[in-house]
Amino acid sequence: MNSAKGKLKDFHEDVRREAEDSVKNFFPDRVFELDKLLKSDMFSKDSMDRVHKGVTMPVHKNDTHNDVETTHKKRKLSEGHESKHLQGHQTHIPCNKYILQVIEVLKPKIQTLMEKCNTVSLFLEYFSTLEVGEANSSSLKEETLSEVQRIEGEAATFLDQISRYYITRGKIVSKILKYPQLDDYRQAVMELDEKEFTSLRLCCCELRNHYLSLHDTITKNLDKIKKPRTNNADSLY
């Protein structure tokens, strides 16, 4: 029993140490790192050209307006046969290479923010449970904890956004394969990729701002959060 209690105490101490180190050291370092990334070539004004070059569209030899009526008749005659025909081609359409590159850089940073927020949340909840302070200090802990959890949730939505982008893009590309004569679907892919790149740049900006906000908010009130003064202690001195 004592062994388990000792291990739990060590765990609490590890959480406290990691949380404080994250707030004091890791968060500022990540602010500078993300700010540098925002100013890098990856997110420069010329990057939109790289986004366009990263698009690979299926090209068909019969992709002409003259074939529109013929294709329409084929589809009417046999939808089943047409599906088998499309499947037989097994056309491979890769992702936008540049968007994929940006996602591969940002995704681990999003996951790290979520993990750090989770650790800091545990740290705040742990001390809130052990120490009962004055009303202002307790309120401060609750507000800080709420902000950390909000940021963790927002980081999770960034990951959802990436998944939705791939799903949406896949659906549009499948339409291009089915209706190669329609330029609207091709343009839709271009527009979607541009939008995703803008969203990813904004995501990087938000990650930087979140780290800055967490560092500023928690460091200013860390002593009050860790050791709130009790009314009894005030009356003794």
Protein backbone atom coordinates (compact mmCIF):
# COMPACT_ATOMS: atom_id res chain seq x y z
CA MET A 1 0.00 0.00 0.00
CA ASN A 2 2.80 2.38 1.00
CA SER A 3 4.63 1.45 -2.18
CA ALA A 4 1.63 2.41 -4.33
CA LYS A 5 1.21 5.65 -2.39
CA GLY A 6 4.87 6.47 -2.91
CA LYS A 7 4.64 5.80 -6.65
CA LEU A 8 1.59 8.02 -6.87
CA LYS A 9 3.43 10.79 -5.08
CA ASP A 10 6.34 10.43 -7.51
CA PHE A 11 3.89 10.58 -10.39
CA HIS A 12 2.40 13.79 -9.06
CA GLU A 13 5.87 15.27 -8.72
CA ASP A 14 6.75 14.26 -12.30
CA VAL A 15 3.58 15.90 -13.59
CA ARG A 16 4.32 19.08 -11.64
CA ARG A 17 7.91 19.22 -12.89
CA GLU A 18 6.94 18.57 -16.52
CA ALA A 19 4.11 21.10 -16.44
CA GLU A 20 6.25 23.85 -14.93
CA ASP A 21 9.09 23.18 -17.35
CA SER A 22 6.64 23.27 -20.25
CA VAL A 23 5.19 26.60 -19.18
CA LYS A 24 8.52 28.27 -18.38
CA ASN A 25 10.75 26.83 -21.12
CA PHE A 26 8.98 24.74 -23.77
CA PHE A 27 6.14 27.20 -24.49
CA PRO A 28 8.42 30.20 -25.18
CA ASP A 29 10.71 28.07 -27.35
CA ARG A 30 7.74 26.85 -29.37
CA VAL A 31 6.50 30.45 -29.83
CA PHE A 32 9.79 31.41 -31.52
CA GLU A 33 9.89 28.17 -33.51
CA LEU A 34 6.38 28.61 -34.92
CA ASP A 35 6.94 32.30 -35.62
CA LYS A 36 10.06 31.39 -37.59
CA LEU A 37 8.07 28.75 -39.50
CA LEU A 38 5.40 31.33 -40.40
CA LYS A 39 8.08 33.58 -41.86
CA SER A 40 9.78 30.75 -43.76
CA ASP A 41 9.43 29.90 -47.45
CA MET A 42 6.84 27.28 -46.59
CA PHE A 43 4.25 29.99 -45.88
CA SER A 44 5.59 32.80 -48.08
CA LYS A 45 3.51 34.64 -50.69
CA ASP A 46 5.05 32.48 -53.40
CA SER A 47 3.83 29.33 -51.68
CA MET A 48 0.45 29.50 -53.40
CA ASP A 49 2.25 28.80 -56.68
CA ARG A 50 3.70 25.68 -55.07
CA VAL A 51 0.20 24.69 -54.01
CA HIS A 52 -0.98 24.95 -57.62
CA LYS A 53 2.00 22.98 -58.91
CA GLY A 54 1.28 20.27 -56.34
CA VAL A 55 -2.08 19.49 -57.93
CA THR A 56 -2.18 16.36 -60.11
CA MET A 57 -5.32 15.94 -62.20
CA PRO A 58 -6.39 12.88 -64.19
CA VAL A 59 -6.03 13.51 -67.94
CA HIS A 60 -8.04 11.55 -70.46
CA LYS A 61 -7.37 11.42 -74.18
CA ASN A 62 -11.11 11.52 -74.86
CA ASP A 63 -11.57 14.53 -72.60
CA THR A 64 -13.23 16.70 -75.25
CA HIS A 65 -16.59 18.36 -75.62
CA ASN A 66 -17.37 16.11 -78.55
CA ASP A 67 -17.42 13.13 -76.25
CA VAL A 68 -19.95 14.60 -73.80
CA GLU A 69 -23.01 13.23 -75.57
CA THR A 70 -21.41 9.82 -76.20
CA THR A 71 -20.36 9.49 -72.58
CA HIS A 72 -23.85 10.45 -71.43
CA LYS A 73 -25.40 7.76 -73.64
CA LYS A 74 -22.97 5.16 -72.35
CA ARG A 75 -23.91 5.96 -68.78
CA LYS A 76 -27.62 5.70 -69.58
CA LEU A 77 -27.20 2.33 -71.29
CA SER A 78 -25.41 0.62 -68.46
CA GLU A 79 -24.43 2.20 -65.16
CA GLY A 80 -23.06 -1.14 -63.98
CA HIS A 81 -20.87 -1.56 -67.03
CA GLU A 82 -19.62 2.04 -66.70
CA SER A 83 -18.63 1.48 -63.08
CA LYS A 84 -16.67 -1.63 -63.99
CA HIS A 85 -14.98 0.30 -66.76
CA LEU A 86 -13.88 3.06 -64.39
CA GLN A 87 -12.67 0.57 -61.81
CA GLY A 88 -10.71 -1.25 -64.46
CA HIS A 89 -8.59 1.84 -65.11
CA GLN A 90 -7.47 2.01 -61.46
CA THR A 91 -6.29 5.58 -61.97
CA HIS A 92 -4.01 6.70 -59.16
CA ILE A 93 -4.49 10.33 -58.17
CA PRO A 94 -1.94 11.48 -55.56
CA CYS A 95 -2.61 14.09 -52.89
CA ASN A 96 -1.46 17.64 -53.41
CA LYS A 97 2.24 17.16 -52.71
CA TYR A 98 2.81 20.60 -51.22
CA ILE A 99 -0.25 20.51 -48.96
CA LEU A 100 0.84 17.06 -47.79
CA GLN A 101 4.29 18.43 -46.98
CA VAL A 102 2.83 21.27 -44.89
CA ILE A 103 0.50 18.89 -43.04
CA GLU A 104 3.38 16.56 -42.22
CA VAL A 105 5.18 19.50 -40.60
CA LEU A 106 2.21 20.91 -38.68
CA LYS A 107 0.43 17.74 -37.56
CA PRO A 108 3.05 16.68 -34.96
CA LYS A 109 3.06 20.24 -33.60
CA ILE A 110 -0.71 20.12 -33.15
CA GLN A 111 -0.46 16.79 -31.35
CA THR A 112 2.31 18.13 -29.09
CA LEU A 113 0.18 21.12 -28.09
CA MET A 114 -2.66 18.77 -27.14
CA GLU A 115 -0.32 16.61 -25.05
CA LYS A 116 1.18 19.64 -23.27
CA CYS A 117 -2.27 21.05 -22.55
CA ASN A 118 -3.32 17.70 -21.12
CA THR A 119 -0.31 17.65 -18.79
CA VAL A 120 -0.87 21.23 -17.64
CA SER A 121 -4.57 20.49 -17.07
CA LEU A 122 -3.65 17.54 -14.86
CA PHE A 123 -1.21 19.75 -12.98
CA LEU A 124 -3.88 22.41 -12.34
CA GLU A 125 -6.52 19.88 -11.33
CA TYR A 126 -4.08 18.12 -9.00
CA PHE A 127 -3.17 21.25 -7.05
CA SER A 128 -6.75 22.45 -7.05
CA THR A 129 -7.72 19.20 -5.35
CA LEU A 130 -4.97 19.29 -2.72
CA GLU A 131 -5.05 22.93 -1.69
CA VAL A 132 -8.05 25.00 -0.68
CA GLY A 133 -7.30 28.68 -1.05
CA GLU A 134 -9.19 31.91 -0.93
CA ALA A 135 -12.05 32.46 -3.36
CA ASN A 136 -10.02 34.57 -5.78
CA SER A 137 -7.27 31.95 -6.06
CA SER A 138 -9.76 29.14 -6.60
CA SER A 139 -11.49 31.16 -9.28
CA LEU A 140 -8.15 31.87 -10.93
CA LYS A 141 -7.38 28.15 -11.11
CA GLU A 142 -10.75 27.39 -12.65
CA GLU A 143 -10.38 30.12 -15.27
CA THR A 144 -6.85 29.00 -16.16
CA LEU A 145 -7.90 25.34 -16.36
CA SER A 146 -10.86 26.26 -18.55
CA GLU A 147 -8.58 28.19 -20.94
CA VAL A 148 -6.10 25.30 -21.18
CA GLN A 149 -8.88 22.83 -21.93
CA ARG A 150 -10.38 25.18 -24.51
CA ILE A 151 -7.05 25.38 -26.35
CA GLU A 152 -6.67 21.60 -26.21
CA GLY A 153 -10.11 21.23 -27.77
CA GLU A 154 -9.33 23.77 -30.48
CA ALA A 155 -6.14 21.90 -31.35
CA ALA A 156 -8.24 18.75 -31.79
CA THR A 157 -10.43 20.59 -34.31
CA PHE A 158 -7.32 21.32 -36.38
CA LEU A 159 -6.81 17.57 -36.78
CA ASP A 160 -10.49 17.12 -37.69
CA GLN A 161 -10.10 19.83 -40.31
CA ILE A 162 -7.25 17.93 -41.96
CA SER A 163 -9.30 14.73 -42.10
CA ARG A 164 -12.30 16.56 -43.59
CA TYR A 165 -10.05 18.12 -46.24
CA TYR A 166 -8.86 14.72 -47.46
CA ILE A 167 -12.38 13.30 -47.50
CA THR A 168 -13.80 16.30 -49.38
CA ARG A 169 -10.95 16.32 -51.88
CA GLY A 170 -11.32 12.60 -52.51
CA LYS A 171 -15.00 13.03 -53.30
CA ILE A 172 -14.31 15.83 -55.78
CA VAL A 173 -11.51 13.91 -57.48
CA SER A 174 -13.82 10.90 -57.84
CA LYS A 175 -16.23 13.22 -59.64
CA ILE A 176 -13.44 14.23 -62.02
CA LEU A 177 -12.87 10.58 -62.86
CA LYS A 178 -16.58 10.12 -63.48
CA TYR A 179 -17.11 13.39 -65.35
CA PRO A 180 -13.71 14.27 -66.90
CA GLN A 181 -15.33 16.68 -69.34
CA LEU A 182 -16.47 19.07 -66.57
CA ASP A 183 -13.92 21.73 -65.67
CA ASP A 184 -15.89 22.82 -62.60
CA TYR A 185 -14.73 19.80 -60.59
CA ARG A 186 -11.12 20.45 -61.56
CA GLN A 187 -11.45 24.06 -60.48
CA ALA A 188 -13.10 22.93 -57.24
CA VAL A 189 -9.99 20.92 -56.37
CA MET A 190 -7.79 23.97 -56.98
CA GLU A 191 -10.02 26.15 -54.80
CA LEU A 192 -10.11 23.53 -52.06
CA ASP A 193 -6.32 23.23 -52.01
CA GLU A 194 -5.93 27.01 -51.82
CA LYS A 195 -8.41 27.15 -48.95
CA GLU A 196 -6.64 24.34 -47.09
CA PHE A 197 -3.26 26.03 -47.44
CA THR A 198 -4.71 29.27 -46.04
CA SER A 199 -6.27 27.30 -43.16
CA LEU A 200 -2.96 25.54 -42.42
CA ARG A 201 -1.14 28.87 -42.32
CA LEU A 202 -3.78 30.18 -39.93
CA CYS A 203 -3.39 26.98 -37.90
CA CYS A 204 0.35 27.63 -37.53
CA CYS A 205 -0.40 31.19 -36.45
CA GLU A 206 -2.96 29.98 -33.90
CA LEU A 207 -0.55 27.41 -32.48
CA ARG A 208 2.01 30.15 -31.90
CA ASN A 209 -0.59 32.40 -30.28
CA HIS A 210 -1.86 29.61 -28.05
CA TYR A 211 1.61 28.90 -26.69
CA LEU A 212 2.15 32.60 -26.06
CA SER A 213 -1.20 32.95 -24.32
CA LEU A 214 -0.63 29.89 -22.12
CA HIS A 215 2.85 31.02 -21.14
CA ASP A 216 1.71 34.55 -20.33
CA THR A 217 -1.41 33.56 -18.38
CA ILE A 218 0.11 30.77 -16.31
CA THR A 219 3.50 32.34 -15.49
CA LYS A 220 1.84 35.51 -14.19
CA ASN A 221 -0.27 33.50 -11.75
CA LEU A 222 1.84 30.39 -11.16
CA ASP A 223 2.62 31.15 -7.53
CA LYS A 224 -1.02 31.90 -6.74
CA ILE A 225 -2.10 28.73 -8.53
CA LYS A 226 0.45 26.56 -6.71
CA LYS A 227 0.22 28.13 -3.26
CA PRO A 228 -2.94 30.12 -2.70
CA ARG A 229 -3.03 31.98 0.61
CA THR A 230 -5.68 30.76 3.04
CA ASN A 231 -7.72 33.02 5.25
CA ASN A 232 -6.36 31.18 8.27
CA ALA A 233 -2.77 31.79 7.27
CA ASP A 234 -3.46 35.51 6.85
CA SER A 235 -4.90 35.75 10.35
CA LEU A 236 -1.77 34.15 11.88
CA TYR A 237 0.63 36.74 10.54
